[in-house]
Amino acid sequence: MVILDLEDMAEDIRTRYDALTGLEQLAVEEIMDAFDYSLERALDIVESHDYEFFYRTTLADLAYEFIHDCGWEPFINWDPDTVEALEPYIDYNKLGAVLYEDGYRETSSGVIRVFW
């Protein structure tokens, strides 16, 4: 995990960072860690809201949520009874790997995706 030294930040970067909420600051750190972006680029992403951050979840848990709560192709048009009948056969870890291929990254604080 990236550990930011607030004392050594340039003043303009520090001002931008301090203006963020705690969760946004965490998102900056996780973007830097997961995608190896610079602090300035991570700040740009968070400030422009070009990311998704699923706090305190895993890729497998996110796959479960997408199927059961949000709808996820090809499951989006399936009725809940069909999904429930298939539940014993669904491998959420493998579906999490599909999410990884789609740009989602699991971090120590959750799952993050950048739209850049």
Protein backbone atom coordinates (compact mmCIF):
# COMPACT_ATOMS: atom_id res chain seq x y z
CA MET A 1 0.00 0.00 0.00
CA VAL A 2 1.16 3.51 -0.83
CA ILE A 3 1.98 5.65 2.19
CA LEU A 4 1.90 9.35 1.41
CA ASP A 5 4.22 11.73 3.23
CA LEU A 6 2.04 14.80 3.61
CA GLU A 7 4.97 16.93 4.81
CA ASP A 8 6.91 16.47 1.57
CA MET A 9 4.04 17.16 -0.84
CA ALA A 10 4.19 20.24 -3.01
CA GLU A 11 1.82 22.91 -1.70
CA ASP A 12 -0.61 22.78 -4.66
CA ILE A 13 -0.75 18.97 -4.53
CA ARG A 14 -1.25 19.07 -0.76
CA THR A 15 -4.09 21.59 -1.14
CA ARG A 16 -5.82 19.38 -3.71
CA TYR A 17 -5.33 16.27 -1.56
CA ASP A 18 -6.61 17.99 1.60
CA ALA A 19 -9.76 19.14 -0.23
CA LEU A 20 -10.81 15.51 -0.75
CA THR A 21 -12.95 13.48 1.64
CA GLY A 22 -11.30 10.67 3.57
CA LEU A 23 -12.70 8.05 1.19
CA GLU A 24 -11.49 10.04 -1.82
CA GLN A 25 -8.03 10.29 -0.28
CA LEU A 26 -8.05 6.53 0.19
CA ALA A 27 -9.11 6.13 -3.44
CA VAL A 28 -6.11 8.26 -4.52
CA GLU A 29 -3.77 5.99 -2.58
CA GLU A 30 -5.37 2.82 -3.94
CA ILE A 31 -5.23 4.11 -7.53
CA MET A 32 -1.54 4.85 -7.10
CA ASP A 33 -0.96 1.40 -5.66
CA ALA A 34 -3.12 -0.65 -8.04
CA PHE A 35 -2.26 1.13 -11.29
CA ASP A 36 1.18 2.56 -10.45
CA TYR A 37 0.01 6.10 -11.28
CA SER A 38 1.66 9.24 -9.98
CA LEU A 39 0.02 11.20 -7.17
CA GLU A 40 -0.93 13.99 -9.56
CA ARG A 41 -2.55 11.61 -12.05
CA ALA A 42 -4.43 9.82 -9.26
CA LEU A 43 -5.67 13.19 -7.99
CA ASP A 44 -6.85 14.10 -11.49
CA ILE A 45 -8.80 10.84 -11.71
CA VAL A 46 -10.47 11.26 -8.33
CA GLU A 47 -11.24 14.95 -8.83
CA SER A 48 -12.87 14.21 -12.19
CA HIS A 49 -14.78 11.21 -10.74
CA ASP A 50 -13.34 8.91 -13.42
CA TYR A 51 -13.25 5.88 -11.13
CA GLU A 52 -15.38 3.49 -9.12
CA PHE A 53 -14.38 2.48 -5.61
CA PHE A 54 -16.11 -0.39 -3.85
CA TYR A 55 -14.90 0.00 -0.28
CA ARG A 56 -14.29 -3.13 1.81
CA THR A 57 -15.13 -5.70 -0.85
CA THR A 58 -13.31 -8.27 -2.98
CA LEU A 59 -13.55 -9.10 -6.66
CA ALA A 60 -15.51 -12.26 -5.83
CA ASP A 61 -17.91 -10.33 -3.59
CA LEU A 62 -18.35 -7.70 -6.28
CA ALA A 63 -19.15 -10.41 -8.85
CA TYR A 64 -21.81 -11.76 -6.45
CA GLU A 65 -23.27 -8.27 -6.02
CA PHE A 66 -23.33 -7.64 -9.76
CA ILE A 67 -25.21 -10.87 -10.39
CA HIS A 68 -27.66 -10.66 -7.50
CA ASP A 69 -28.21 -6.95 -6.99
CA CYS A 70 -27.15 -4.95 -10.02
CA GLY A 71 -27.57 -7.17 -13.04
CA TRP A 72 -24.55 -8.21 -15.04
CA GLU A 73 -24.44 -9.46 -18.61
CA PRO A 74 -25.32 -12.23 -19.39
CA PHE A 75 -27.25 -12.47 -16.11
CA ILE A 76 -29.07 -9.15 -16.41
CA ASN A 77 -32.30 -10.55 -17.87
CA TRP A 78 -32.40 -13.66 -15.69
CA ASP A 79 -35.09 -13.90 -13.11
CA PRO A 80 -33.96 -14.33 -9.49
CA ASP A 81 -35.26 -17.92 -9.35
CA THR A 82 -32.98 -18.92 -12.24
CA VAL A 83 -29.95 -17.32 -10.60
CA GLU A 84 -30.80 -19.01 -7.31
CA ALA A 85 -31.12 -22.40 -9.03
CA LEU A 86 -27.69 -21.94 -10.60
CA GLU A 87 -26.09 -20.64 -7.37
CA PRO A 88 -24.25 -23.90 -6.54
CA TYR A 89 -22.56 -23.79 -9.95
CA ILE A 90 -21.48 -20.16 -10.00
CA ASP A 91 -17.78 -19.62 -9.30
CA TYR A 92 -17.51 -16.07 -8.03
CA ASN A 93 -13.71 -16.21 -7.89
CA LYS A 94 -13.60 -16.93 -11.62
CA LEU A 95 -16.10 -14.16 -12.28
CA GLY A 96 -13.87 -11.90 -10.18
CA ALA A 97 -11.07 -12.76 -12.63
CA VAL A 98 -13.35 -11.53 -15.44
CA LEU A 99 -13.78 -8.26 -13.55
CA TYR A 100 -9.99 -8.02 -13.28
CA GLU A 101 -9.76 -8.39 -17.06
CA ASP A 102 -12.27 -5.54 -17.32
CA GLY A 103 -10.00 -3.21 -15.33
CA TYR A 104 -11.16 -3.77 -11.76
CA ARG A 105 -8.35 -4.13 -9.23
CA GLU A 106 -8.59 -5.59 -5.74
CA THR A 107 -6.71 -3.56 -3.15
CA SER A 108 -6.22 -3.75 0.58
CA SER A 109 -9.24 -1.45 1.02
CA GLY A 110 -11.62 -2.79 -1.60
CA VAL A 111 -11.96 -2.86 -5.38
CA ILE A 112 -11.18 0.08 -7.64
CA ARG A 113 -11.67 0.73 -11.34
CA VAL A 114 -10.35 3.70 -13.33
CA PHE A 115 -12.06 4.89 -16.51
CA TRP A 116 -8.92 6.42 -18.09
